[in-house]
C-alpha atoms as a PDB file:
ATOM      1  CA  UNK A   1      48.930  -0.595 -10.327  1.00  0.00           C
ATOM      2  CA  UNK A   2      49.744   0.538 -14.039  1.00  0.00           C
ATOM      3  CA  UNK A   3      48.436   4.038 -14.906  1.00  0.00           C
ATOM      4  CA  UNK A   4      46.544   2.864 -17.689  1.00  0.00           C
ATOM      5  CA  UNK A   5      44.454   0.510 -15.745  1.00  0.00           C
ATOM      6  CA  UNK A   6      43.277   2.921 -13.315  1.00  0.00           C
ATOM      7  CA  UNK A   7      40.687   4.448 -15.203  1.00  0.00           C
ATOM      8  CA  UNK A   8      39.026   0.867 -15.959  1.00  0.00           C
ATOM      9  CA  UNK A   9      39.199  -0.157 -12.140  1.00  0.00           C
ATOM     10  CA  UNK A  10      37.243   3.307 -11.344  1.00  0.00           C
ATOM     11  CA  UNK A  11      34.809   2.392 -13.899  1.00  0.00           C
ATOM     12  CA  UNK A  12      34.622  -1.358 -12.718  1.00  0.00           C
ATOM     13  CA  UNK A  13      33.825   0.109  -9.190  1.00  0.00           C
ATOM     14  CA  UNK A  14      31.615   2.622 -10.304  1.00  0.00           C
ATOM     15  CA  UNK A  15      29.575   0.143 -12.197  1.00  0.00           C
ATOM     16  CA  UNK A  16      29.366  -2.477  -9.281  1.00  0.00           C
ATOM     17  CA  UNK A  17      28.148   0.549  -7.130  1.00  0.00           C
ATOM     18  CA  UNK A  18      25.424   1.241  -9.605  1.00  0.00           C
ATOM     19  CA  UNK A  19      24.545  -2.186 -10.214  1.00  0.00           C
ATOM     20  CA  UNK A  20      24.073  -2.962  -6.304  1.00  0.00           C
ATOM     21  CA  UNK A  21      21.924   0.369  -5.990  1.00  0.00           C
ATOM     22  CA  UNK A  22      19.527  -0.556  -8.764  1.00  0.00           C
ATOM     23  CA  UNK A  23      19.106  -4.049  -7.197  1.00  0.00           C
ATOM     24  CA  UNK A  24      17.968  -2.566  -3.813  1.00  0.00           C
ATOM     25  CA  UNK A  25      15.739   0.047  -5.282  1.00  0.00           C
ATOM     26  CA  UNK A  26      14.054  -3.022  -7.434  1.00  0.00           C
ATOM     27  CA  UNK A  27      13.327  -4.820  -4.074  1.00  0.00           C
ATOM     28  CA  UNK A  28      11.411  -1.535  -2.895  1.00  0.00           C
ATOM     29  CA  UNK A  29       7.689  -1.317  -3.037  1.00  0.00           C
ATOM     30  CA  UNK A  30       6.411   1.518  -5.012  1.00  0.00           C
ATOM     31  CA  UNK A  31       4.906   4.340  -2.890  1.00  0.00           C
ATOM     32  CA  UNK A  32       1.281   4.698  -3.775  1.00  0.00           C
ATOM     33  CA  UNK A  33      -0.813   7.741  -2.509  1.00  0.00           C
ATOM     34  CA  UNK A  34      -4.592   7.924  -1.985  1.00  0.00           C
ATOM     35  CA  UNK A  35      -4.598  10.365  -5.006  1.00  0.00           C
ATOM     36  CA  UNK A  36      -2.797   8.051  -7.453  1.00  0.00           C
ATOM     37  CA  UNK A  37      -5.933   5.323  -6.885  1.00  0.00           C
ATOM     38  CA  UNK A  38      -8.393   6.937  -9.415  1.00  0.00           C
ATOM     39  CA  UNK A  39      -8.127   8.404 -12.661  1.00  0.00           C
ATOM     40  CA  UNK A  40     -11.948   9.680 -11.839  1.00  0.00           C
ATOM     41  CA  UNK A  41     -14.803   9.272  -9.554  1.00  0.00           C
ATOM     42  CA  UNK A  42     -18.193  10.738 -10.469  1.00  0.00           C
ATOM     43  CA  UNK A  43     -21.887   9.581 -10.489  1.00  0.00           C
ATOM     44  CA  UNK A  44     -20.953   7.407 -13.482  1.00  0.00           C
ATOM     45  CA  UNK A  45     -18.762   5.442 -11.067  1.00  0.00           C
ATOM     46  CA  UNK A  46     -15.026   5.219 -10.924  1.00  0.00           C
ATOM     47  CA  UNK A  47     -12.172   4.537 -13.209  1.00  0.00           C
ATOM     48  CA  UNK A  48      -8.628   3.362 -11.681  1.00  0.00           C
ATOM     49  CA  UNK A  49      -5.769   5.643 -12.450  1.00  0.00           C
ATOM     50  CA  UNK A  50      -3.214   4.236 -14.934  1.00  0.00           C
ATOM     51  CA  UNK A  51      -0.437   4.070 -11.876  1.00  0.00           C
ATOM     52  CA  UNK A  52      -3.003   1.884  -9.848  1.00  0.00           C
ATOM     53  CA  UNK A  53      -3.445  -0.257 -13.054  1.00  0.00           C
ATOM     54  CA  UNK A  54       0.096  -0.844 -13.783  1.00  0.00           C
ATOM     55  CA  UNK A  55       1.003  -1.659  -9.941  1.00  0.00           C
ATOM     56  CA  UNK A  56      -2.026  -4.023  -9.702  1.00  0.00           C
ATOM     57  CA  UNK A  57      -0.389  -7.336  -8.485  1.00  0.00           C
ATOM     58  CA  UNK A  58       3.023  -5.483  -7.477  1.00  0.00           C
ATOM     59  CA  UNK A  59       4.432  -4.584  -3.922  1.00  0.00           C
ATOM     60  CA  UNK A  60       3.549  -0.930  -3.082  1.00  0.00           C
ATOM     61  CA  UNK A  61       3.733   0.988  -0.100  1.00  0.00           C
ATOM     62  CA  UNK A  62       0.797   3.355   1.522  1.00  0.00           C
ATOM     63  CA  UNK A  63       0.921   5.802   4.219  1.00  0.00           C
ATOM     64  CA  UNK A  64      -2.215   6.737   6.159  1.00  0.00           C
ATOM     65  CA  UNK A  65      -4.084   5.990   9.291  1.00  0.00           C
ATOM     66  CA  UNK A  66      -6.048   2.995  10.629  1.00  0.00           C
ATOM     67  CA  UNK A  67      -9.857   3.015  10.888  1.00  0.00           C
ATOM     68  CA  UNK A  68     -11.078   1.305  14.298  1.00  0.00           C
ATOM     69  CA  UNK A  69     -11.055  -2.335  13.247  1.00  0.00           C
ATOM     70  CA  UNK A  70     -14.468  -4.234  13.007  1.00  0.00           C
ATOM     71  CA  UNK A  71     -13.336  -6.596  15.621  1.00  0.00           C
ATOM     72  CA  UNK A  72     -10.231  -7.015  17.548  1.00  0.00           C
ATOM     73  CA  UNK A  73      -9.088 -10.379  16.346  1.00  0.00           C
ATOM     74  CA  UNK A  74      -9.633  -9.267  12.813  1.00  0.00           C
ATOM     75  CA  UNK A  75      -6.948  -9.859  10.277  1.00  0.00           C
ATOM     76  CA  UNK A  76      -7.596  -6.848   8.215  1.00  0.00           C
ATOM     77  CA  UNK A  77      -8.344  -3.014   8.437  1.00  0.00           C
ATOM     78  CA  UNK A  78      -9.127  -0.030   6.593  1.00  0.00           C
ATOM     79  CA  UNK A  79      -6.408   2.361   5.551  1.00  0.00           C
ATOM     80  CA  UNK A  80      -7.615   5.877   5.342  1.00  0.00           C
ATOM     81  CA  UNK A  81      -6.010   9.061   4.212  1.00  0.00           C
ATOM     82  CA  UNK A  82      -7.153  10.998   7.373  1.00  0.00           C
ATOM     83  CA  UNK A  83      -7.695   9.647  10.980  1.00  0.00           C
ATOM     84  CA  UNK A  84     -11.372   8.678  11.741  1.00  0.00           C
ATOM     85  CA  UNK A  85     -12.611   8.128  15.191  1.00  0.00           C
ATOM     86  CA  UNK A  86     -15.402   6.098  14.399  1.00  0.00           C
ATOM     87  CA  UNK A  87     -15.505   2.424  12.963  1.00  0.00           C
ATOM     88  CA  UNK A  88     -16.229   2.989   9.303  1.00  0.00           C
ATOM     89  CA  UNK A  89     -18.529  -0.334   9.149  1.00  0.00           C
ATOM     90  CA  UNK A  90     -20.799   1.049  11.827  1.00  0.00           C
ATOM     91  CA  UNK A  91     -21.769   4.217   9.942  1.00  0.00           C
ATOM     92  CA  UNK A  92     -24.175   5.038   7.367  1.00  0.00           C
ATOM     93  CA  UNK A  93     -22.950   5.580   3.612  1.00  0.00           C
ATOM     94  CA  UNK A  94     -22.956   9.267   4.208  1.00  0.00           C
ATOM     95  CA  UNK A  95     -20.330   8.747   6.732  1.00  0.00           C
ATOM     96  CA  UNK A  96     -18.027   6.372   5.102  1.00  0.00           C
ATOM     97  CA  UNK A  97     -14.335   7.626   4.075  1.00  0.00           C
ATOM     98  CA  UNK A  98     -14.157   8.328   0.490  1.00  0.00           C
ATOM     99  CA  UNK A  99     -10.363   7.572   0.493  1.00  0.00           C
ATOM    100  CA  UNK A 100     -10.061   4.089   1.739  1.00  0.00           C
ATOM    101  CA  UNK A 101      -8.009   0.923   0.966  1.00  0.00           C
ATOM    102  CA  UNK A 102      -8.648  -2.611   2.748  1.00  0.00           C
ATOM    103  CA  UNK A 103      -5.486  -4.126   4.247  1.00  0.00           C
ATOM    104  CA  UNK A 104      -5.223  -7.551   4.682  1.00  0.00           C
ATOM    105  CA  UNK A 105      -2.113  -8.801   6.899  1.00  0.00           C
ATOM    106  CA  UNK A 106       0.458 -11.416   6.194  1.00  0.00           C
ATOM    107  CA  UNK A 107      -0.190 -14.311   8.351  1.00  0.00           C
ATOM    108  CA  UNK A 108       1.189 -14.074  11.854  1.00  0.00           C
ATOM    109  CA  UNK A 109       1.069 -10.242  11.784  1.00  0.00           C
ATOM    110  CA  UNK A 110      -0.963  -9.048  14.679  1.00  0.00           C
ATOM    111  CA  UNK A 111      -3.115  -6.075  14.799  1.00  0.00           C
ATOM    112  CA  UNK A 112      -2.465  -3.319  17.104  1.00  0.00           C
ATOM    113  CA  UNK A 113      -4.830  -0.455  16.651  1.00  0.00           C
ATOM    114  CA  UNK A 114      -3.796   2.922  16.764  1.00  0.00           C
ATOM    115  CA  UNK A 115      -4.345   6.562  15.964  1.00  0.00           C
ATOM    116  CA  UNK A 116      -0.936   7.341  14.819  1.00  0.00           C
ATOM    117  CA  UNK A 117       0.024   7.489  11.097  1.00  0.00           C
ATOM    118  CA  UNK A 118       1.310   3.926   9.755  1.00  0.00           C
ATOM    119  CA  UNK A 119       2.938   2.738   6.507  1.00  0.00           C
ATOM    120  CA  UNK A 120       1.609  -0.194   5.088  1.00  0.00           C
ATOM    121  CA  UNK A 121       3.727  -2.683   2.582  1.00  0.00           C
ATOM    122  CA  UNK A 122       1.950  -5.289   0.438  1.00  0.00           C
ATOM    123  CA  UNK A 123       0.684  -6.448  -2.989  1.00  0.00           C
ATOM    124  CA  UNK A 124      -1.714  -3.891  -4.643  1.00  0.00           C
ATOM    125  CA  UNK A 125      -5.243  -5.641  -5.583  1.00  0.00           C
ATOM    126  CA  UNK A 126      -7.938  -3.405  -7.605  1.00  0.00           C
ATOM    127  CA  UNK A 127     -11.350  -4.078  -8.785  1.00  0.00           C
ATOM    128  CA  UNK A 128     -14.386  -5.236  -7.041  1.00  0.00           C
ATOM    129  CA  UNK A 129     -14.053  -8.018  -4.415  1.00  0.00           C
ATOM    130  CA  UNK A 130     -16.557  -9.392  -1.506  1.00  0.00           C
ATOM    131  CA  UNK A 131     -14.751 -11.046   1.517  1.00  0.00           C
ATOM    132  CA  UNK A 132     -16.479 -14.384   1.581  1.00  0.00           C
ATOM    133  CA  UNK A 133     -16.103 -14.491   5.524  1.00  0.00           C
ATOM    134  CA  UNK A 134     -17.175 -11.049   5.871  1.00  0.00           C
ATOM    135  CA  UNK A 135     -19.206  -9.942   3.210  1.00  0.00           C
ATOM    136  CA  UNK A 136     -17.231  -6.640   2.968  1.00  0.00           C
ATOM    137  CA  UNK A 137     -17.227  -5.218  -0.443  1.00  0.00           C
ATOM    138  CA  UNK A 138     -13.967  -3.614  -1.542  1.00  0.00           C
ATOM    139  CA  UNK A 139     -12.203  -1.929  -4.580  1.00  0.00           C
ATOM    140  CA  UNK A 140      -8.729  -1.244  -3.824  1.00  0.00           C
ATOM    141  CA  UNK A 141      -6.557  -3.744  -1.352  1.00  0.00           C
ATOM    142  CA  UNK A 142      -3.346  -4.021  -0.364  1.00  0.00           C
ATOM    143  CA  UNK A 143      -2.963  -7.916   0.714  1.00  0.00           C
ATOM    144  CA  UNK A 144       0.067  -9.773   2.425  1.00  0.00           C
ATOM    145  CA  UNK A 145       0.743  -6.763   4.249  1.00  0.00           C
ATOM    146  CA  UNK A 146       2.717  -5.556   6.810  1.00  0.00           C
ATOM    147  CA  UNK A 147       2.696  -2.491   8.616  1.00  0.00           C
ATOM    148  CA  UNK A 148       5.172  -0.029  10.664  1.00  0.00           C
ATOM    149  CA  UNK A 149       4.327   2.944  12.904  1.00  0.00           C
ATOM    150  CA  UNK A 150       5.649   6.259  11.701  1.00  0.00           C
END
């Protein structure tokens, strides 16, 4: 190879590597933590954070713990920051976890209750929504989700 072409070939290879890396990262969901959900929570209600509003409708990944499901055949569960030993649906408001996200699983994804940490990946939805089947009201949801045990 001619010596004057070598820098051009090296540049082209580096560019191809960079483009390939960027494309892979573009498909990865953005990691979202429980502390990223709200800008403020208080007696006047809550305000979603800029990050949550920006990520609404986009793929995200969150880590946490699965609260005991309402029923074994459910296609959704509640993701909590810390493990909870009781069904959050069965307790009073005073016992309700303050950091929760409702996770609706992809069709065909089975729910396997566990107490180990998990990661969920799906599309973030924010804003008040009442599930028509259960009557459960949520503010933050990850839909079309899949999960993996950590």
